[in-house]
Protein backbone atom coordinates (compact mmCIF):
# COMPACT_ATOMS: atom_id res chain seq x y z
CA MET A 1 0.00 -0.01 0.00
CA MET A 2 2.84 2.37 0.79
CA ASP A 3 4.69 1.35 -2.40
CA ALA A 4 1.65 2.56 -4.37
CA ALA A 5 1.97 5.98 -2.73
CA SER A 6 5.46 6.38 -4.22
CA ASN A 7 4.45 5.19 -7.70
CA PRO A 8 4.16 8.24 -10.04
CA LEU A 9 1.73 6.36 -12.32
CA ILE A 10 -0.89 5.93 -9.55
CA GLU A 11 -3.14 8.90 -8.91
CA ASN A 12 -5.72 7.32 -6.56
CA ILE A 13 -5.25 4.91 -3.67
CA THR A 14 -8.10 3.22 -1.79
CA ILE A 15 -7.72 1.24 1.44
CA MET A 16 -10.91 -0.55 2.56
CA SER A 17 -10.05 -2.61 5.58
CA ALA A 18 -10.96 -3.75 9.06
CA ALA A 19 -10.21 -1.59 12.08
CA ARG A 20 -6.75 -1.55 13.62
CA VAL A 21 -4.84 -3.18 10.77
CA GLY A 22 -2.65 -0.22 9.84
CA LYS A 23 -4.72 2.29 7.82
CA THR A 24 -3.77 5.29 9.94
CA GLU A 25 -0.18 4.10 10.22
CA THR A 26 0.01 3.94 6.43
CA LEU A 27 -1.11 7.57 6.20
CA ASP A 28 1.49 8.55 8.80
CA ASN A 29 4.23 6.83 6.86
CA ILE A 30 3.21 8.49 3.59
CA ILE A 31 3.37 11.90 5.29
CA GLY A 32 6.75 11.08 6.84
CA PHE A 33 8.10 9.97 3.45
CA HIS A 34 7.15 13.24 1.77
CA ILE A 35 8.52 15.36 4.62
CA HIS A 36 11.85 13.53 4.43
CA HIS A 37 12.31 12.67 0.73
CA ASP A 38 9.74 14.48 -1.44
CA PRO A 39 8.53 17.75 0.21
CA CYS A 40 5.22 19.08 -1.10
CA PRO A 41 1.99 20.69 0.17
CA MET A 42 -0.38 18.11 1.75
CA LEU A 43 -3.94 18.17 3.06
CA VAL A 44 -5.19 15.67 5.67
CA ILE A 45 -8.95 15.42 6.21
CA LEU A 46 -10.57 13.73 9.23
CA PRO A 47 -14.36 13.28 9.71
CA THR A 48 -14.67 16.23 12.10
CA PHE A 49 -12.70 19.27 13.16
CA LEU A 50 -12.20 17.87 16.67
CA LEU A 51 -10.88 14.57 15.33
CA ALA A 52 -8.47 16.53 13.17
CA LYS A 53 -6.98 18.19 16.25
CA ASP A 54 -6.77 14.86 18.09
CA TRP A 55 -5.03 13.19 15.13
CA SER A 56 -2.45 15.96 15.02
CA LYS A 57 -1.69 15.59 18.72
CA ILE A 58 -1.90 11.79 19.05
CA TYR A 59 -0.39 10.58 15.76
CA LEU A 60 1.44 13.31 13.86
CA ALA A 61 3.22 15.09 16.72
CA PRO A 62 4.76 11.89 18.24
CA MET A 63 5.91 10.73 14.81
CA LEU A 64 7.68 14.02 14.15
CA ARG A 65 9.18 13.99 17.63
CA ASP A 66 10.35 10.36 17.83
CA THR A 67 11.47 9.57 14.25
CA PRO A 68 15.19 10.46 14.04
CA VAL A 69 15.22 11.51 10.37
CA LEU A 70 12.21 13.81 10.92
CA GLN A 71 13.46 15.52 14.07
CA GLY A 72 13.97 19.19 13.42
CA LEU A 73 12.38 19.20 9.99
CA VAL A 74 9.02 20.40 11.38
CA GLN A 75 9.06 22.70 14.38
CA GLU A 76 6.85 22.01 17.36
CA ALA A 77 3.49 23.78 17.60
CA ARG A 78 3.80 27.27 19.12
CA THR A 79 0.98 29.67 19.79
CA LYS A 80 3.06 32.63 18.61
CA ASP A 81 4.33 30.94 15.46
CA SER A 82 1.53 30.94 12.87
CA ASN A 83 3.59 28.71 10.56
CA ASN A 84 3.50 25.76 13.01
CA GLU A 85 0.14 25.33 14.68
CA ILE A 86 -1.75 22.17 15.55
CA LEU A 87 -3.63 22.17 12.26
CA HIS A 88 -1.05 23.87 10.08
CA LYS A 89 2.61 22.88 9.91
CA THR A 90 5.31 23.98 7.50
CA PHE A 91 8.66 22.46 6.56
CA ARG A 92 11.19 23.19 3.87
CA ASP A 93 9.44 23.27 0.45
CA GLY A 94 6.19 21.91 1.85
CA LEU A 95 3.37 22.12 4.38
CA ILE A 96 0.67 20.06 6.07
CA VAL A 97 -2.85 21.39 6.51
CA ILE A 98 -5.18 19.31 8.73
CA GLY A 99 -8.95 19.81 8.68
CA GLY A 100 -12.37 18.33 9.27
CA ALA A 101 -14.81 17.17 6.61
CA ASN A 102 -17.57 19.11 8.40
CA SER A 103 -15.70 22.40 7.95
CA PRO A 104 -15.89 24.08 4.50
CA THR A 105 -12.97 26.33 5.48
CA SER A 106 -10.67 23.28 5.83
CA LEU A 107 -11.46 22.28 2.25
CA SER A 108 -11.07 25.64 0.58
CA MET A 109 -7.44 26.30 1.46
CA ARG A 110 -4.56 26.74 -0.96
CA SER A 111 -3.68 24.17 -3.61
CA VAL A 112 -2.02 20.96 -2.47
CA ARG A 113 -0.37 18.09 -4.29
CA ILE A 114 -1.46 15.26 -2.00
CA VAL A 115 -4.75 14.91 -0.12
CA LEU A 116 -5.27 12.14 2.43
CA PHE A 117 -8.83 11.22 3.52
CA ASP A 118 -9.17 9.16 6.71
CA GLU A 119 -12.40 7.28 7.56
CA ILE A 120 -14.35 8.75 4.65
CA ASP A 121 -17.43 6.68 5.46
CA GLN A 122 -17.84 8.86 8.56
CA TYR A 123 -17.86 12.09 6.53
CA PRO A 124 -21.05 14.19 6.35
CA VAL A 125 -22.94 14.22 3.06
CA SER A 126 -21.97 17.84 2.55
CA ALA A 127 -19.39 20.19 4.06
CA GLY A 128 -21.85 22.87 5.12
CA SER A 129 -23.51 24.00 1.89
CA GLU A 130 -20.36 23.52 -0.23
CA GLY A 131 -20.99 19.91 -1.36
CA ASP A 132 -19.25 16.54 -1.02
CA PRO A 133 -16.11 16.98 1.16
CA VAL A 134 -14.22 14.34 -0.85
CA ASP A 135 -14.85 16.13 -4.14
CA LEU A 136 -13.93 19.46 -2.55
CA GLY A 137 -10.65 18.06 -1.26
CA LYS A 138 -9.71 16.56 -4.62
CA LYS A 139 -10.27 19.90 -6.35
CA ARG A 140 -7.38 21.31 -4.28
CA THR A 141 -4.98 19.14 -6.31
CA GLU A 142 -6.03 20.10 -9.86
CA THR A 143 -2.99 22.33 -10.51
CA PHE A 144 -0.49 19.51 -9.90
CA PHE A 145 0.33 16.98 -12.66
CA ASN A 146 1.71 14.52 -10.07
CA ARG A 147 -1.24 14.81 -7.69
CA GLN A 148 -2.36 11.92 -5.52
CA HIS A 149 -5.51 11.09 -3.50
CA ILE A 150 -5.53 8.49 -0.71
CA ASP A 151 -8.90 7.25 0.61
CA THR A 152 -9.04 5.05 3.72
CA SER A 153 -11.92 3.79 5.82
CA THR A 154 -13.64 0.84 7.41
CA PRO A 155 -16.78 0.27 5.30
CA THR A 156 -20.36 0.79 6.53
CA ILE A 157 -23.56 0.04 4.61
CA THR A 158 -23.84 -1.40 1.12
CA GLY A 159 -24.91 1.27 -1.36
CA LEU A 160 -23.99 4.13 0.98
CA SER A 161 -20.33 3.40 1.68
CA ARG A 162 -17.95 5.89 0.03
CA ILE A 163 -14.99 3.57 0.48
CA GLU A 164 -16.89 0.69 -1.20
CA ARG A 165 -17.58 2.83 -4.28
CA SER A 166 -13.98 3.94 -4.40
CA PHE A 167 -12.73 0.35 -4.06
CA GLN A 168 -15.02 -0.83 -6.88
CA ASP A 169 -13.42 1.77 -9.19
CA SER A 170 -9.89 0.56 -8.33
CA ASN A 171 -7.90 -2.48 -9.45
CA GLN A 172 -9.20 -4.32 -6.33
CA GLN A 173 -6.13 -5.95 -4.80
CA PHE A 174 -6.35 -8.77 -2.21
CA TYR A 175 -3.54 -10.19 -0.12
CA TYR A 176 -2.70 -13.82 -1.00
CA VAL A 177 -0.74 -15.83 1.57
CA PRO A 178 0.88 -19.28 1.04
CA CYS A 179 -0.32 -22.40 2.85
CA PRO A 180 2.57 -23.66 5.02
CA HIS A 181 1.80 -27.24 3.89
CA CYS A 182 1.26 -27.06 0.11
CA ARG A 183 2.43 -23.46 -0.67
CA HIS A 184 -0.85 -22.71 -2.45
CA LYS A 185 -1.59 -18.97 -2.20
CA GLN A 186 -5.07 -17.86 -1.15
CA ILE A 187 -6.90 -15.00 0.54
CA LEU A 188 -8.20 -15.40 4.11
CA LEU A 189 -11.98 -15.28 4.60
CA PHE A 190 -14.08 -15.93 7.69
CA SER A 191 -16.94 -17.83 6.04
CA PRO A 192 -18.57 -18.60 2.66
CA ARG A 193 -21.07 -15.77 3.37
CA SER A 194 -18.35 -13.23 2.76
CA LYS A 195 -18.86 -10.73 -0.07
CA PHE A 196 -15.62 -12.00 -1.58
CA SER A 197 -16.37 -15.73 -1.27
CA ARG A 198 -16.06 -16.11 -5.07
CA LEU A 199 -12.30 -15.60 -4.65
CA ALA A 200 -11.67 -18.38 -2.12
CA LYS A 201 -12.87 -21.80 -0.95
CA GLY A 202 -11.08 -22.03 2.39
CA TYR A 203 -12.49 -20.58 5.60
CA LEU A 204 -11.93 -20.28 9.34
CA LYS A 205 -12.91 -23.46 11.21
CA PHE A 206 -13.60 -23.69 14.96
CA ASP A 207 -15.49 -25.50 17.70
CA ALA A 208 -18.57 -23.32 18.31
CA ASP A 209 -19.28 -24.90 21.71
CA ASN A 210 -16.10 -23.99 23.54
CA LEU A 211 -13.53 -22.70 20.97
CA SER A 212 -11.15 -25.42 22.09
CA TRP A 213 -9.62 -25.28 18.62
CA VAL A 214 -9.54 -22.62 15.89
CA HIS A 215 -7.67 -22.99 12.62
CA TYR A 216 -7.86 -22.04 8.96
CA GLU A 217 -8.61 -24.73 6.38
CA CYS A 218 -6.50 -24.52 3.21
CA GLU A 219 -8.68 -24.42 0.12
CA ASN A 220 -6.20 -26.63 -1.78
CA CYS A 221 -4.90 -29.38 0.51
CA LYS A 222 -7.68 -29.02 3.16
CA LYS A 223 -5.10 -29.20 5.96
CA ALA A 224 -5.41 -27.13 9.11
CA ILE A 225 -3.36 -23.92 9.26
CA GLU A 226 -2.63 -22.97 12.88
CA GLU A 227 -2.48 -19.37 14.05
CA ARG A 228 1.18 -19.69 15.02
CA GLU A 229 1.96 -19.98 11.30
CA LYS A 230 0.24 -16.68 10.42
CA THR A 231 3.34 -14.48 10.82
CA GLN A 232 5.32 -16.60 8.38
CA MET A 233 2.43 -16.58 5.91
CA LEU A 234 2.10 -12.80 6.03
CA ALA A 235 5.80 -12.29 5.36
CA ARG A 236 5.57 -14.42 2.19
CA GLY A 237 2.27 -13.05 0.87
CA GLN A 238 1.66 -10.84 -2.14
CA TRP A 239 -1.03 -8.43 -3.42
CA ARG A 240 -2.90 -9.57 -6.53
CA PRO A 241 -5.29 -7.26 -8.44
CA LEU A 242 -8.70 -8.46 -9.53
CA LYS A 243 -8.79 -5.79 -12.27
CA PRO A 244 -5.18 -5.45 -13.51
CA GLU A 245 -6.30 -3.30 -16.45
CA VAL A 246 -6.87 -0.36 -14.05
CA LEU A 247 -3.46 1.31 -13.88
CA ASP A 248 -3.97 4.64 -12.12
CA HIS A 249 -6.12 3.54 -9.20
CA ALA A 250 -4.78 1.05 -6.64
CA GLY A 251 -7.32 -0.44 -4.22
CA PHE A 252 -6.64 -2.70 -1.24
CA GLN A 253 -8.96 -4.81 0.98
CA LEU A 254 -7.86 -6.37 4.25
CA SER A 255 -9.72 -8.16 7.05
CA ALA A 256 -8.72 -8.63 10.68
CA LEU A 257 -7.83 -12.26 9.91
CA TYR A 258 -4.50 -10.88 8.67
CA SER A 259 -3.90 -8.77 11.78
CA PRO A 260 -0.84 -9.68 13.89
CA TRP A 261 -2.59 -8.11 16.89
CA LYS A 262 -5.93 -9.96 16.80
CA SER A 263 -6.20 -13.71 17.17
CA TRP A 264 -8.51 -15.95 15.15
CA ARG A 265 -10.00 -17.20 18.43
CA ASP A 266 -11.01 -13.64 19.42
CA ILE A 267 -12.57 -13.10 15.99
CA ALA A 268 -14.61 -16.29 16.28
CA LYS A 269 -15.63 -15.47 19.85
CA GLU A 270 -16.97 -12.06 18.87
CA TRP A 271 -19.03 -13.58 16.06
CA LEU A 272 -20.46 -16.28 18.36
CA ILE A 273 -21.51 -13.70 20.95
CA ALA A 274 -23.30 -11.57 18.36
CA ARG A 275 -25.06 -14.60 16.90
CA ARG A 276 -26.14 -16.12 20.23
CA GLU A 277 -27.46 -12.82 21.56
CA GLN A 278 -29.16 -12.15 18.19
CA ASP A 279 -27.67 -8.66 18.40
CA ILE A 280 -27.95 -7.21 14.88
CA GLU A 281 -26.09 -4.01 15.81
CA ARG A 282 -23.16 -5.96 17.22
CA LEU A 283 -23.09 -8.20 14.14
CA LYS A 284 -23.10 -5.15 11.89
CA VAL A 285 -20.11 -3.72 13.73
CA TRP A 286 -18.35 -7.08 13.48
CA ILE A 287 -18.86 -7.26 9.69
CA ASN A 288 -17.59 -3.68 9.22
CA LYS A 289 -14.74 -3.57 11.73
CA THR A 290 -13.51 -7.18 11.65
CA CYS A 291 -14.23 -8.44 8.12
CA GLY A 292 -13.70 -5.07 6.46
CA GLU A 293 -16.88 -5.55 4.43
CA THR A 294 -20.08 -3.57 3.99
CA TRP A 295 -23.29 -4.54 5.75
CA ASP A 296 -26.36 -5.43 3.68
CA GLU A 297 -29.33 -3.61 5.21
CA ASP A 298 -31.75 -6.29 4.00
CA LYS A 299 -30.23 -8.70 6.55
CA SER A 300 -31.63 -6.68 9.43
CA ILE A 301 -34.89 -5.06 8.31
CA LYS A 302 -36.67 -7.43 5.94
CA LEU A 303 -39.59 -8.71 8.05
CA ASP A 304 -42.78 -10.52 7.03
CA GLU A 305 -45.98 -10.00 9.05
CA HIS A 306 -46.91 -13.68 8.59
CA ALA A 307 -43.78 -14.74 10.50
CA PHE A 308 -45.21 -13.46 13.80
CA THR A 309 -48.16 -15.83 14.15
CA ASP A 310 -46.11 -18.25 16.23
CA ARG A 311 -45.01 -15.39 18.50
CA ILE A 312 -48.50 -14.92 20.03
CA GLU A 313 -48.51 -15.69 23.76
CA GLN A 314 -51.43 -16.54 26.05
CA TYR A 315 -51.41 -13.77 28.65
CA LYS A 316 -53.99 -11.21 29.72
CA GLY A 317 -53.50 -8.00 31.63
CA VAL A 318 -49.96 -7.29 32.77
CA PRO A 319 -47.77 -10.42 33.06
CA ASP A 320 -44.95 -11.11 35.51
CA GLY A 321 -41.72 -9.39 34.59
CA VAL A 322 -43.30 -6.02 33.76
CA VAL A 323 -41.90 -3.22 35.89
CA LEU A 324 -43.17 -0.09 34.14
CA LEU A 325 -46.01 0.84 31.77
CA THR A 326 -45.79 3.34 28.90
CA ALA A 327 -48.25 4.54 26.24
CA GLY A 328 -47.94 6.00 22.76
CA VAL A 329 -50.72 8.05 21.17
CA ASP A 330 -50.90 8.52 17.38
CA ILE A 331 -53.18 11.34 16.15
CA GLN A 332 -55.34 10.79 13.07
CA ASP A 333 -57.98 13.05 11.49
CA ASP A 334 -60.90 11.05 12.93
CA ARG A 335 -59.43 9.20 15.93
CA LEU A 336 -56.74 8.73 18.56
CA GLU A 337 -54.91 5.38 18.50
CA VAL A 338 -53.24 4.25 21.73
CA VAL A 339 -50.90 1.35 22.43
CA VAL A 340 -49.79 0.46 25.98
CA LYS A 341 -46.58 -1.48 26.57
CA GLY A 342 -44.92 -3.05 29.61
CA TRP A 343 -41.21 -2.91 30.17
CA GLY A 344 -38.97 -5.22 32.18
CA LEU A 345 -35.30 -5.73 32.90
CA LYS A 346 -32.82 -5.67 29.99
CA ASP A 347 -35.35 -3.79 27.82
CA GLU A 348 -37.66 -6.82 27.54
CA SER A 349 -41.13 -5.59 26.57
CA TRP A 350 -44.75 -6.81 26.39
CA PHE A 351 -47.72 -5.61 24.32
CA ILE A 352 -50.44 -4.85 26.88
CA ASP A 353 -53.38 -3.12 25.21
CA LYS A 354 -54.54 -1.03 22.27
CA ARG A 355 -57.49 1.34 22.05
CA ILE A 356 -59.08 3.59 19.41
CA PHE A 357 -61.01 6.69 20.53
CA TRP A 358 -63.15 7.71 17.57
CA GLY A 359 -63.87 11.33 16.78
CA SER A 360 -62.05 14.42 15.59
CA PRO A 361 -59.18 15.54 17.85
CA ASP A 362 -60.89 18.97 17.81
CA ARG A 363 -63.56 17.57 20.11
CA ALA A 364 -63.04 17.76 23.87
CA ASP A 365 -64.87 14.46 24.56
CA VAL A 366 -62.26 12.53 22.55
CA TRP A 367 -59.47 13.85 24.78
CA LYS A 368 -61.65 13.12 27.84
CA GLN A 369 -61.74 9.45 26.80
CA LEU A 370 -57.95 9.41 26.53
CA ASP A 371 -57.73 11.14 29.95
CA ASP A 372 -59.91 8.54 31.62
CA TYR A 373 -57.97 5.70 30.00
CA TYR A 374 -54.63 7.13 31.12
CA ASP A 375 -55.84 7.40 34.74
CA THR A 376 -57.30 3.87 34.87
CA PRO A 377 -54.99 1.41 36.67
CA PHE A 378 -53.95 -1.88 35.08
CA SER A 379 -54.08 -5.16 37.00
CA PHE A 380 -50.76 -6.99 37.27
CA ALA A 381 -50.57 -10.79 37.38
CA ASN A 382 -48.96 -10.51 40.84
CA GLY A 383 -52.03 -8.77 42.28
CA LEU A 384 -50.81 -5.18 42.12
CA GLN A 385 -52.45 -2.32 40.25
CA ARG A 386 -50.45 0.38 38.52
CA ARG A 387 -51.13 3.22 36.13
CA ILE A 388 -49.27 4.25 33.02
CA GLN A 389 -46.07 5.96 34.14
CA SER A 390 -45.03 7.70 30.91
CA MET A 391 -46.95 8.65 27.76
CA CYS A 392 -45.90 10.30 24.48
CA VAL A 393 -48.41 12.05 22.20
CA ASP A 394 -47.48 12.82 18.57
CA SER A 395 -47.88 16.54 17.87
CA GLY A 396 -47.36 16.31 14.10
CA SER A 397 -51.01 17.09 13.50
CA PHE A 398 -53.62 18.95 15.60
CA THR A 399 -50.59 20.49 17.30
CA GLU A 400 -52.47 23.08 19.37
CA LYS A 401 -54.86 20.48 20.77
CA VAL A 402 -51.97 18.17 21.69
CA TYR A 403 -50.10 20.96 23.47
CA ALA A 404 -53.20 21.95 25.38
CA TYR A 405 -53.79 18.37 26.53
CA VAL A 406 -50.18 17.84 27.59
CA LYS A 407 -50.17 21.11 29.49
CA ARG A 408 -53.23 19.99 31.48
CA LYS A 409 -51.37 16.78 32.43
CA LYS A 410 -48.59 18.73 34.14
CA GLY A 411 -46.65 16.58 36.61
CA LYS A 412 -47.91 13.24 35.20
CA ARG A 413 -45.11 12.49 32.72
CA VAL A 414 -47.14 13.12 29.59
CA PHE A 415 -45.04 14.50 26.72
CA ALA A 416 -45.71 16.11 23.35
CA THR A 417 -43.31 14.82 20.69
CA LYS A 418 -42.32 15.45 17.10
CA GLY A 419 -40.32 13.13 14.88
CA ARG A 420 -37.18 14.13 13.02
CA ALA A 421 -35.50 12.07 10.27
CA GLY A 422 -31.83 11.20 10.25
CA PHE A 423 -30.11 7.96 11.30
CA ASP A 424 -27.53 9.97 13.21
CA ARG A 425 -30.19 11.28 15.64
CA GLU A 426 -30.66 9.62 19.01
CA ILE A 427 -34.08 8.24 19.88
CA VAL A 428 -34.58 11.02 22.40
CA GLY A 429 -33.16 13.65 20.12
CA SER A 430 -33.41 16.65 22.44
CA LYS A 431 -33.80 17.55 26.10
CA VAL A 432 -37.28 17.66 27.60
CA LYS A 433 -38.40 21.24 27.95
CA ARG A 434 -41.57 23.27 28.26
CA ASN A 435 -42.34 24.92 24.97
CA ASN A 436 -44.07 28.25 24.44
CA HIS A 437 -47.44 26.61 25.13
CA GLY A 438 -46.30 25.29 28.52
CA ALA A 439 -46.29 21.64 27.37
CA LEU A 440 -43.47 19.16 28.04
CA PHE A 441 -41.92 18.57 24.64
CA PHE A 442 -39.00 16.71 23.03
CA VAL A 443 -37.88 15.51 19.58
CA ILE A 444 -37.77 11.82 18.63
CA GLY A 445 -35.14 10.47 16.28
CA VAL A 446 -37.66 8.32 14.38
CA ASP A 447 -35.19 6.69 11.98
CA GLN A 448 -33.07 5.33 14.82
CA ALA A 449 -36.18 4.35 16.79
CA LYS A 450 -37.62 2.35 13.88
CA GLU A 451 -34.32 0.64 13.22
CA THR A 452 -34.10 -0.35 16.90
CA ILE A 453 -37.65 -1.77 16.81
CA TYR A 454 -37.02 -3.76 13.63
CA HIS A 455 -33.83 -5.20 15.07
CA ARG A 456 -35.64 -6.25 18.23
CA LEU A 457 -38.41 -7.87 16.19
CA THR A 458 -35.80 -10.32 14.85
CA ILE A 459 -35.02 -11.53 18.39
CA LYS A 460 -36.81 -14.78 19.24
CA ARG A 461 -37.40 -16.38 22.63
CA PRO A 462 -34.31 -18.46 23.57
CA ALA A 463 -34.78 -22.17 23.99
CA PRO A 464 -34.63 -23.78 27.46
CA PRO A 465 -32.75 -23.82 29.77
CA ALA A 466 -32.51 -20.07 29.18
CA GLU A 467 -34.40 -18.12 31.83
CA PRO A 468 -35.86 -14.57 31.82
CA PRO A 469 -35.22 -11.74 31.56
CA PHE A 470 -34.60 -12.08 27.82
CA ALA A 471 -32.74 -9.01 26.61
CA GLN A 472 -34.76 -6.81 24.21
CA LEU A 473 -37.30 -9.60 23.46
CA MET A 474 -40.73 -8.31 22.38
CA HIS A 475 -43.82 -10.25 23.56
CA PHE A 476 -47.25 -10.16 21.89
CA ASN A 477 -50.68 -11.34 23.07
CA GLU A 478 -53.90 -12.31 21.30
CA GLN A 479 -54.88 -8.69 20.64
CA CYS A 480 -52.10 -8.54 18.08
CA ASP A 481 -53.87 -9.73 14.95
CA GLU A 482 -52.57 -9.92 11.38
CA GLU A 483 -53.44 -6.25 10.72
CA TYR A 484 -51.45 -5.19 13.79
CA PHE A 485 -48.31 -6.95 12.52
CA ARG A 486 -48.97 -5.70 9.00
CA GLN A 487 -48.83 -2.13 10.29
CA LEU A 488 -45.89 -2.89 12.60
CA VAL A 489 -43.64 -3.91 9.68
CA SER A 490 -45.19 -1.53 7.14
CA GLU A 491 -42.01 0.36 6.32
CA ARG A 492 -38.63 -0.53 4.88
CA ILE A 493 -35.28 1.19 4.47
CA VAL A 494 -34.43 2.25 0.94
CA VAL A 495 -31.47 4.12 -0.53
CA LYS A 496 -32.45 7.39 -2.20
CA LYS A 497 -30.46 10.21 -3.73
CA LYS A 498 -30.64 13.92 -3.00
CA LYS A 499 -28.56 16.27 -5.15
CA GLY A 500 -26.56 13.26 -6.26
CA PHE A 501 -25.81 11.97 -2.74
CA PRO A 502 -27.18 8.58 -1.56
CA PHE A 503 -28.89 8.40 1.79
CA ARG A 504 -31.03 5.95 3.74
CA ALA A 505 -34.71 6.63 4.38
CA TRP A 506 -37.75 4.77 5.65
CA GLU A 507 -40.45 4.24 3.03
CA LEU A 508 -44.06 3.16 3.59
CA MET A 509 -44.93 0.11 1.53
CA SER A 510 -47.73 0.45 -0.96
CA GLY A 511 -51.21 -0.22 0.46
CA ARG A 512 -50.05 -0.20 4.10
CA ARG A 513 -50.88 1.85 7.17
CA ASN A 514 -48.28 2.48 9.88
CA GLU A 515 -50.18 3.63 12.98
CA MET A 516 -48.99 0.65 15.06
CA LEU A 517 -45.37 1.29 14.08
CA ASP A 518 -45.76 4.94 15.07
CA CYS A 519 -47.27 3.92 18.44
CA GLU A 520 -44.35 1.53 19.00
CA VAL A 521 -41.90 4.41 18.31
CA LEU A 522 -43.78 6.63 20.77
CA ASN A 523 -43.66 3.88 23.44
CA LEU A 524 -39.92 3.42 22.92
CA ALA A 525 -39.45 7.16 23.32
CA ALA A 526 -41.70 7.25 26.41
CA TYR A 527 -39.51 4.58 27.99
CA ALA A 528 -36.22 6.19 26.91
CA VAL A 529 -37.06 9.71 28.08
CA VAL A 530 -37.68 8.76 31.72
CA ARG A 531 -34.58 6.53 31.95
CA PRO A 532 -36.08 4.55 34.87
CA PRO A 533 -33.87 2.69 37.39
CA MET A 534 -35.36 -0.67 36.45
CA GLU A 535 -33.39 -2.79 38.91
CA ARG A 536 -34.53 -0.64 41.85
CA LEU A 537 -38.14 -0.53 40.63
CA ALA A 538 -38.15 -4.32 40.24
CA ARG A 539 -36.96 -4.75 43.82
CA GLN A 540 -39.63 -2.36 45.07
CA LEU A 541 -42.36 -4.30 43.22
CA LYS A 542 -41.11 -7.57 44.63
CA THR A 543 -41.22 -6.15 48.14
CA ARG A 544 -44.80 -4.97 47.64
CA VAL A 545 -45.88 -8.37 46.30
CA GLU A 546 -44.29 -10.16 49.26
CA SER A 547 -46.08 -7.84 51.65
CA LEU A 548 -49.40 -8.77 50.01
CA ASP A 549 -48.70 -12.48 50.37
CA SER A 550 -47.50 -12.37 54.01
CA PRO A 551 -49.94 -11.92 56.96
CA ALA A 552 -50.03 -8.55 58.63
CA PRO A 553 -47.77 -8.44 61.71
CA GLU A 554 -49.24 -7.92 65.17
CA SER A 555 -49.20 -4.36 66.39
CA PRO A 556 -46.40 -3.86 68.91
CA LYS A 557 -47.09 -2.39 72.30
CA PRO A 558 -46.65 1.37 72.37
CA GLU A 559 -43.45 2.58 73.89
CA ALA A 560 -42.59 5.82 75.47
CA PRO A 561 -42.11 8.44 72.74
CA VAL A 562 -38.55 9.41 72.03
CA ARG A 563 -37.91 12.88 70.84
CA PRO A 564 -35.92 12.60 67.60
CA GLN A 565 -32.85 14.66 67.02
CA ARG A 566 -33.31 17.49 64.61
CA ARG A 567 -31.58 16.97 61.33
CA SER A 568 -31.65 18.32 57.80
CA VAL A 569 -34.21 16.77 55.45
CA ARG A 570 -33.18 15.70 51.99
CA THR A 571 -35.66 15.09 49.21
CA ARG A 572 -35.11 11.79 47.39
CA ARG A 573 -34.63 12.27 43.68
CA ARG A 574 -37.22 10.57 41.55
CA TYR A 575 -36.19 8.79 38.34
CA LEU A 576 -37.71 11.71 36.42
CA ASN A 577 -37.04 15.03 38.13
CA LEU A 578 -39.60 17.41 36.63
């Protein structure tokens, strides 16, 4: 990869790899080479301005300080010396400018010969209003005939990944290593489900029950390659291009299987944990950061409403395990739709009830029905009765009526909400505050909320001897008919383009309604906004149940009153301090 950077015939270099296999070190070495042997103006772009400052302090400064041939070539950063600052360093016949992809100023500096992009899949779609930060950076090199662009990143999502598109335009080089037994050269892949499985027939083999053995099976002689032989294999490997006809764009792909710092056993262990816990998010990170491959979104969000018929459970009311009740209210032109959910430890959840209050939200009697329902206690299976402890009402329509209702419910943890698109938004996208109407209000990151719900819908009840609580498992009762599930999985993620830039967005399927999905989002937000101490609440409920089951103790004989000492009184903080 570093040889390509010193080849005058190569204008573009792409490194799509797993995390911690040497991408950043490669960039450092390229910079050090040009400072020492081939001085020129360079531009280094990190995803954000803050990361740019951190990279300068953590990576660049120690390299300039500790590398003997570079010592003294670039002066240390001084506040009074404008030529040598944290983000701007000069040396004889050259300079280094360091910036963030979110800052248009960083990308509109003077002309440079070499531009180095680090983690380009983390870049924003546009640098302010200027456009694609990668295109802006490359325009800085147009006046140099010997210009060079280096793109590096761990990949993200198929169809959206910048580094994937760049790699597809390159000569696509893979690292072939020789088998220590038959000398046959091959690339290392984790499994046949890899995106590059067409290039290899050998995969990592291991004992899934206890990882007592882990080895790589040679695709030629089928013999076991032990991890202790990896160092020797790496030293004798070579890069081979899949598209040798591409001469000016060198692309490289590398997984963590090649890493000298990560064992095959650790890689297999991480995969097993993600699979056993059915954690889609962890599996996505593993594919990106360990395999160095993009994640196919269809693996996580393609759900069929007919697949939930065997998930129906026989419970009525509020079952054991529920600690807290929430409600989500979706506003339609002729009705209010309400779904109540129960929450337990480890984010386990139960569908409790759904109601429709018919009538225009302009009518006071419709809101009165919702009011009465909210104040009606639910009967728990353990004999207790509890009311809804948090409720979110969508204010996207009939906004004034929603605000007026929420204001009347002051002190009862009823919130007005509004959804905002963007997968980078948190589920509770803003702090709870009282708006100009006096209503408690916050913004919901609906894209992230829907993605979380869809991922949890893929989690199935573990087989015995597994015991509850089951992390993030969603339970459904007989009220959840086919239409309920049809609405619950009524949307899908698609890749769209805006001004030429691809982005992910949720799209409602043709002929579907999505009220139940919206109510599920509102329930998730109602639970997330209060951030309840579930362990403590569960202990309190258990104590109350035990007190109901045990006989009342005999009243003790009165004793002489003791005058208590005067002391300061402290108010205990509730789990929602409003």
